[in-house]
Amino acid sequence: MAKKSAPKKKPAAKKPVGKKPAVKSKPASKPKPPAEKKPAPKASAPAPSKPAPAAPAVKMSGSVLPLTVSVQGAGGNAASGNTHPANILVVVSLSGVPVTDLHQNNFTVMEHFNVPGQQYPFSNNIVGFKNAGSGAYLIQVKPINNAPWSSGHHIAQVIVSGKNMQGMTAVKIIVR
């Protein structure tokens, strides 16, 4: 019997230099559904059956109601060396409602700091007063004893008081 020769192997195919074999892309995977969120465990304390009561109105000692007082000061015609009045606009409200029935004697203006060269303060020297009827009041002040103004920043406290209400704030008037 004749021997059969082994089949010849084909030489391996040469890959071209510099080229990479094409890679087949995998099909895009479907996004996973979000994990189910478990509700947080409930606290052992029972929930209140009624809503919390509204906060009571703020009252001061002796049943005095607090006023909201906002002010803006302006030099007006006041200037260093003259005796013209300066202006203070005062806006007064109680729980957001304008207070419209105040008079000059309900207001106190106290200048607490001395401006260099100022001979006299304007404390409690209200020379003009106007009620605008909307909770706004225009107060005009000038130094006592008809003294002239000195240039600078005049800082004062404005106190508003009524039958059973009171409030205060600070004001700055710049005189040049």
C-alpha atoms as a PDB file:
ATOM      1  CA  MET A   1       0.000   0.000   0.000  1.00  0.00           C
ATOM      2  CA  ALA A   2       1.202   3.356  -0.856  1.00  0.00           C
ATOM      3  CA  LYS A   3       1.536   5.976   1.727  1.00  0.00           C
ATOM      4  CA  LYS A   4      -0.464   9.080   1.304  1.00  0.00           C
ATOM      5  CA  SER A   5       1.392  12.219   1.923  1.00  0.00           C
ATOM      6  CA  ALA A   6       0.024  14.667   4.456  1.00  0.00           C
ATOM      7  CA  PRO A   7      -1.879  17.482   2.913  1.00  0.00           C
ATOM      8  CA  LYS A   8       0.164  20.591   2.463  1.00  0.00           C
ATOM      9  CA  LYS A   9      -0.630  23.471   4.728  1.00  0.00           C
ATOM     10  CA  LYS A  10      -1.532  26.693   3.092  1.00  0.00           C
ATOM     11  CA  PRO A  11       0.698  29.544   4.124  1.00  0.00           C
ATOM     12  CA  ALA A  12      -1.017  32.001   6.512  1.00  0.00           C
ATOM     13  CA  ALA A  13      -2.453  35.042   4.862  1.00  0.00           C
ATOM     14  CA  LYS A  14      -0.328  38.108   5.443  1.00  0.00           C
ATOM     15  CA  LYS A  15      -1.982  41.061   7.086  1.00  0.00           C
ATOM     16  CA  PRO A  16      -1.429  44.379   5.409  1.00  0.00           C
ATOM     17  CA  VAL A  17       0.916  46.569   7.415  1.00  0.00           C
ATOM     18  CA  GLY A  18      -0.586  49.681   9.029  1.00  0.00           C
ATOM     19  CA  LYS A  19      -4.184  48.609   8.826  1.00  0.00           C
ATOM     20  CA  LYS A  20      -6.109  47.340  11.761  1.00  0.00           C
ATOM     21  CA  PRO A  21      -8.703  44.692  11.322  1.00  0.00           C
ATOM     22  CA  ALA A  22     -12.252  45.933  11.294  1.00  0.00           C
ATOM     23  CA  VAL A  23     -13.968  45.506  14.628  1.00  0.00           C
ATOM     24  CA  LYS A  24     -17.578  44.652  14.607  1.00  0.00           C
ATOM     25  CA  SER A  25     -19.562  46.905  16.927  1.00  0.00           C
ATOM     26  CA  LYS A  26     -21.801  45.378  19.480  1.00  0.00           C
ATOM     27  CA  PRO A  27     -25.468  46.279  19.333  1.00  0.00           C
ATOM     28  CA  ALA A  28     -26.347  49.048  21.804  1.00  0.00           C
ATOM     29  CA  SER A  29     -27.607  47.668  25.051  1.00  0.00           C
ATOM     30  CA  LYS A  30     -31.005  48.749  26.247  1.00  0.00           C
ATOM     31  CA  PRO A  31     -30.965  51.062  29.297  1.00  0.00           C
ATOM     32  CA  LYS A  32     -31.898  49.335  32.467  1.00  0.00           C
ATOM     33  CA  PRO A  33     -35.087  50.507  34.137  1.00  0.00           C
ATOM     34  CA  PRO A  34     -34.402  52.567  37.281  1.00  0.00           C
ATOM     35  CA  ALA A  35     -34.311  50.619  40.469  1.00  0.00           C
ATOM     36  CA  GLU A  36     -37.499  50.786  42.428  1.00  0.00           C
ATOM     37  CA  LYS A  37     -37.275  53.165  45.360  1.00  0.00           C
ATOM     38  CA  LYS A  38     -38.609  51.831  48.557  1.00  0.00           C
ATOM     39  CA  PRO A  39     -40.462  54.312  50.736  1.00  0.00           C
ATOM     40  CA  ALA A  40     -38.589  55.407  53.820  1.00  0.00           C
ATOM     41  CA  PRO A  41     -39.743  53.754  56.989  1.00  0.00           C
ATOM     42  CA  LYS A  42     -42.363  55.781  58.781  1.00  0.00           C
ATOM     43  CA  ALA A  43     -41.563  57.343  62.115  1.00  0.00           C
ATOM     44  CA  SER A  44     -43.190  55.773  65.077  1.00  0.00           C
ATOM     45  CA  ALA A  45     -44.770  59.078  66.209  1.00  0.00           C
ATOM     46  CA  PRO A  46     -48.259  59.614  64.805  1.00  0.00           C
ATOM     47  CA  ALA A  47     -48.751  62.543  62.425  1.00  0.00           C
ATOM     48  CA  PRO A  48     -50.754  65.451  63.855  1.00  0.00           C
ATOM     49  CA  SER A  49     -54.345  65.420  62.754  1.00  0.00           C
ATOM     50  CA  LYS A  50     -54.669  69.248  62.766  1.00  0.00           C
ATOM     51  CA  PRO A  51     -52.395  71.797  61.109  1.00  0.00           C
ATOM     52  CA  ALA A  52     -50.179  73.752  63.476  1.00  0.00           C
ATOM     53  CA  PRO A  53     -51.845  76.904  64.782  1.00  0.00           C
ATOM     54  CA  ALA A  54     -50.679  80.225  63.323  1.00  0.00           C
ATOM     55  CA  ALA A  55     -48.105  82.117  65.346  1.00  0.00           C
ATOM     56  CA  PRO A  56     -49.715  84.619  67.692  1.00  0.00           C
ATOM     57  CA  ALA A  57     -49.278  88.321  66.993  1.00  0.00           C
ATOM     58  CA  VAL A  58     -46.093  89.718  68.487  1.00  0.00           C
ATOM     59  CA  LYS A  59     -46.835  91.770  71.570  1.00  0.00           C
ATOM     60  CA  MET A  60     -44.522  93.687  73.815  1.00  0.00           C
ATOM     61  CA  SER A  61     -44.861  93.953  77.585  1.00  0.00           C
ATOM     62  CA  GLY A  62     -47.928  95.824  78.799  1.00  0.00           C
ATOM     63  CA  SER A  63     -49.801  94.990  75.581  1.00  0.00           C
ATOM     64  CA  VAL A  64     -47.884  97.589  73.540  1.00  0.00           C
ATOM     65  CA  LEU A  65     -47.948  96.702  69.844  1.00  0.00           C
ATOM     66  CA  PRO A  66     -44.695  97.045  67.866  1.00  0.00           C
ATOM     67  CA  LEU A  67     -44.773  99.520  64.997  1.00  0.00           C
ATOM     68  CA  THR A  68     -42.669  99.086  61.891  1.00  0.00           C
ATOM     69  CA  VAL A  69     -40.850 102.372  61.316  1.00  0.00           C
ATOM     70  CA  SER A  70     -38.825 103.098  58.164  1.00  0.00           C
ATOM     71  CA  VAL A  71     -37.059 106.391  57.582  1.00  0.00           C
ATOM     72  CA  GLN A  72     -35.016 108.215  54.982  1.00  0.00           C
ATOM     73  CA  GLY A  73     -33.111 111.378  55.758  1.00  0.00           C
ATOM     74  CA  ALA A  74     -32.156 114.120  53.311  1.00  0.00           C
ATOM     75  CA  GLY A  75     -30.284 117.338  53.756  1.00  0.00           C
ATOM     76  CA  GLY A  76     -32.957 119.279  51.897  1.00  0.00           C
ATOM     77  CA  ASN A  77     -31.876 122.943  51.963  1.00  0.00           C
ATOM     78  CA  ALA A  78     -29.690 122.396  55.023  1.00  0.00           C
ATOM     79  CA  ALA A  79     -26.066 123.194  54.275  1.00  0.00           C
ATOM     80  CA  SER A  80     -22.987 123.865  56.308  1.00  0.00           C
ATOM     81  CA  GLY A  81     -23.292 127.305  57.893  1.00  0.00           C
ATOM     82  CA  ASN A  82     -27.017 127.860  57.286  1.00  0.00           C
ATOM     83  CA  THR A  83     -30.085 127.259  59.455  1.00  0.00           C
ATOM     84  CA  HIS A  84     -32.499 125.757  56.898  1.00  0.00           C
ATOM     85  CA  PRO A  85     -34.304 122.560  57.952  1.00  0.00           C
ATOM     86  CA  ALA A  86     -33.319 119.032  56.943  1.00  0.00           C
ATOM     87  CA  ASN A  87     -35.959 116.476  55.931  1.00  0.00           C
ATOM     88  CA  ILE A  88     -36.851 113.100  57.411  1.00  0.00           C
ATOM     89  CA  LEU A  89     -39.434 110.888  55.731  1.00  0.00           C
ATOM     90  CA  VAL A  90     -40.986 108.463  58.245  1.00  0.00           C
ATOM     91  CA  VAL A  91     -43.204 105.566  57.112  1.00  0.00           C
ATOM     92  CA  VAL A  92     -45.170 103.860  59.908  1.00  0.00           C
ATOM     93  CA  SER A  93     -47.141 100.605  59.748  1.00  0.00           C
ATOM     94  CA  LEU A  94     -48.619  98.072  62.126  1.00  0.00           C
ATOM     95  CA  SER A  95     -48.636  94.482  60.843  1.00  0.00           C
ATOM     96  CA  GLY A  96     -48.261  95.830  57.297  1.00  0.00           C
ATOM     97  CA  VAL A  97     -51.185  98.268  57.591  1.00  0.00           C
ATOM     98  CA  PRO A  98     -50.303 101.984  57.331  1.00  0.00           C
ATOM     99  CA  VAL A  99     -50.788 104.005  60.522  1.00  0.00           C
ATOM    100  CA  THR A 100     -52.372 107.235  59.314  1.00  0.00           C
ATOM    101  CA  ASP A 101     -53.593 109.048  62.450  1.00  0.00           C
ATOM    102  CA  LEU A 102     -50.365 110.199  64.119  1.00  0.00           C
ATOM    103  CA  HIS A 103     -49.522 113.789  65.077  1.00  0.00           C
ATOM    104  CA  GLN A 104     -46.291 115.674  65.666  1.00  0.00           C
ATOM    105  CA  ASN A 105     -46.374 114.870  69.388  1.00  0.00           C
ATOM    106  CA  ASN A 106     -46.182 111.127  68.507  1.00  0.00           C
ATOM    107  CA  PHE A 107     -42.630 111.605  67.154  1.00  0.00           C
ATOM    108  CA  THR A 108     -39.339 112.073  68.999  1.00  0.00           C
ATOM    109  CA  VAL A 109     -36.069 112.730  67.140  1.00  0.00           C
ATOM    110  CA  MET A 110     -32.821 112.386  69.110  1.00  0.00           C
ATOM    111  CA  GLU A 111     -29.394 113.199  67.650  1.00  0.00           C
ATOM    112  CA  HIS A 112     -27.028 110.972  69.635  1.00  0.00           C
ATOM    113  CA  PHE A 113     -23.642 111.737  68.064  1.00  0.00           C
ATOM    114  CA  ASN A 114     -21.848 115.062  67.869  1.00  0.00           C
ATOM    115  CA  VAL A 115     -20.610 116.241  64.507  1.00  0.00           C
ATOM    116  CA  PRO A 116     -17.343 118.177  64.846  1.00  0.00           C
ATOM    117  CA  GLY A 117     -18.082 121.907  64.827  1.00  0.00           C
ATOM    118  CA  GLN A 118     -21.802 121.513  65.471  1.00  0.00           C
ATOM    119  CA  GLN A 119     -22.785 123.940  68.239  1.00  0.00           C
ATOM    120  CA  TYR A 120     -26.165 122.377  69.079  1.00  0.00           C
ATOM    121  CA  PRO A 121     -27.960 119.150  68.119  1.00  0.00           C
ATOM    122  CA  PHE A 122     -31.359 119.063  66.428  1.00  0.00           C
ATOM    123  CA  SER A 123     -32.806 116.755  69.110  1.00  0.00           C
ATOM    124  CA  ASN A 124     -36.541 117.342  69.587  1.00  0.00           C
ATOM    125  CA  ASN A 125     -36.447 120.449  67.427  1.00  0.00           C
ATOM    126  CA  ILE A 126     -39.136 119.503  64.918  1.00  0.00           C
ATOM    127  CA  VAL A 127     -39.868 122.690  62.963  1.00  0.00           C
ATOM    128  CA  GLY A 128     -42.080 121.177  60.257  1.00  0.00           C
ATOM    129  CA  PHE A 129     -44.548 118.280  60.227  1.00  0.00           C
ATOM    130  CA  LYS A 130     -46.839 116.943  57.511  1.00  0.00           C
ATOM    131  CA  ASN A 131     -49.067 113.843  57.572  1.00  0.00           C
ATOM    132  CA  ALA A 132     -49.398 112.510  54.007  1.00  0.00           C
ATOM    133  CA  GLY A 133     -52.383 110.368  55.036  1.00  0.00           C
ATOM    134  CA  SER A 134     -50.813 107.130  53.755  1.00  0.00           C
ATOM    135  CA  GLY A 135     -48.688 106.207  56.757  1.00  0.00           C
ATOM    136  CA  ALA A 136     -45.946 108.577  55.552  1.00  0.00           C
ATOM    137  CA  TYR A 137     -44.908 111.637  57.546  1.00  0.00           C
ATOM    138  CA  LEU A 138     -42.516 114.419  56.578  1.00  0.00           C
ATOM    139  CA  ILE A 139     -40.606 115.836  59.537  1.00  0.00           C
ATOM    140  CA  GLN A 140     -38.265 118.805  59.275  1.00  0.00           C
ATOM    141  CA  VAL A 141     -35.569 119.422  61.879  1.00  0.00           C
ATOM    142  CA  LYS A 142     -32.830 121.962  62.473  1.00  0.00           C
ATOM    143  CA  PRO A 143     -30.341 122.635  65.254  1.00  0.00           C
ATOM    144  CA  ILE A 144     -31.761 124.171  68.435  1.00  0.00           C
ATOM    145  CA  ASN A 145     -31.166 127.831  69.285  1.00  0.00           C
ATOM    146  CA  ASN A 146     -31.141 128.608  65.554  1.00  0.00           C
ATOM    147  CA  ALA A 147     -27.537 127.392  65.395  1.00  0.00           C
ATOM    148  CA  PRO A 148     -26.005 126.776  61.960  1.00  0.00           C
ATOM    149  CA  TRP A 149     -25.459 123.277  60.579  1.00  0.00           C
ATOM    150  CA  SER A 150     -21.991 121.753  60.368  1.00  0.00           C
ATOM    151  CA  SER A 151     -21.135 119.554  57.420  1.00  0.00           C
ATOM    152  CA  GLY A 152     -21.066 115.849  58.157  1.00  0.00           C
ATOM    153  CA  HIS A 153     -23.173 112.795  58.841  1.00  0.00           C
ATOM    154  CA  HIS A 154     -25.799 113.556  61.475  1.00  0.00           C
ATOM    155  CA  ILE A 155     -27.118 110.313  63.001  1.00  0.00           C
ATOM    156  CA  ALA A 156     -30.321 110.260  65.006  1.00  0.00           C
ATOM    157  CA  GLN A 157     -32.962 107.975  66.466  1.00  0.00           C
ATOM    158  CA  VAL A 158     -36.615 108.378  65.497  1.00  0.00           C
ATOM    159  CA  ILE A 159     -39.125 107.106  68.078  1.00  0.00           C
ATOM    160  CA  VAL A 160     -42.819 106.806  67.217  1.00  0.00           C
ATOM    161  CA  SER A 161     -45.339 106.156  69.964  1.00  0.00           C
ATOM    162  CA  GLY A 162     -49.107 106.087  70.202  1.00  0.00           C
ATOM    163  CA  LYS A 163     -51.815 104.929  72.600  1.00  0.00           C
ATOM    164  CA  ASN A 164     -50.751 101.287  72.760  1.00  0.00           C
ATOM    165  CA  MET A 165     -48.029 101.094  70.083  1.00  0.00           C
ATOM    166  CA  GLN A 166     -44.374 102.022  69.735  1.00  0.00           C
ATOM    167  CA  GLY A 167     -41.503 101.665  67.290  1.00  0.00           C
ATOM    168  CA  MET A 168     -38.127 103.187  66.509  1.00  0.00           C
ATOM    169  CA  THR A 169     -35.326 103.262  63.992  1.00  0.00           C
ATOM    170  CA  ALA A 170     -32.224 105.247  63.062  1.00  0.00           C
ATOM    171  CA  VAL A 171     -31.729 107.937  60.426  1.00  0.00           C
ATOM    172  CA  LYS A 172     -28.716 109.601  58.854  1.00  0.00           C
ATOM    173  CA  ILE A 173     -28.829 113.103  57.421  1.00  0.00           C
ATOM    174  CA  ILE A 174     -25.841 114.193  55.364  1.00  0.00           C
ATOM    175  CA  VAL A 175     -25.198 117.931  55.417  1.00  0.00           C
ATOM    176  CA  ARG A 176     -22.636 119.287  52.932  1.00  0.00           C
END
